Amino acid sequence: MRRLAAFLLLLGLAGSCAQAGTSELSYEQAQKIATLVASHDNFKIDDRTLVLNSMDTRNAKGFFPGYYSFSIIHESDTAEQPDETVRVYIISKRTADTWEMNLCGHYSFPALEKMQQAVMEETGATPADDQGMAKVIGCASRTQTQSKLSQ
């Protein structure tokens, strides 16, 4: 079931990128990737208790220029308990390379890799285009963290 959902997301992502004729992901495409990664992390975005929010609203260039940023917030049911940020995903606009900023973890799993390949075909990017992503988002080194969030 998870593979079917990933395949359908991949088809939608590739089709919308091809229609747009852009060299970057659209916000909606990045949102689909963030939702896929959240599912990989066993989070079900339900817009009631777990909400996916953009972090790119304060600046026209975004939280990190060249990247989309999303947070997953666990909203509290009571006024006494604060909401909790459970993940912060950073997604490259050119390659769909995805990191969790607070854990400094790089994502690599088959469904995401298929989406990334489709994105790079449409944008003309290569994996080398985001070699410096870990540094940009404040994570020390790709080799230290890459395997943390892979499966």
Foldseek 3Di string as FASTA:
>chain_A
DLVVLLVVLLVVQLVVLQVVLALFGDPVNLVSLVCNLCVLVVHHDDVPQWHKDWQQPPDPCGPQRQWTKIWIWGCDPDPVDHIDTDWIWIAGGRQRFIATLVQLATEDEVSSVSSSVSSCVSNVDDPVVCLCVSVSSPHDHCVVHHVVHYD
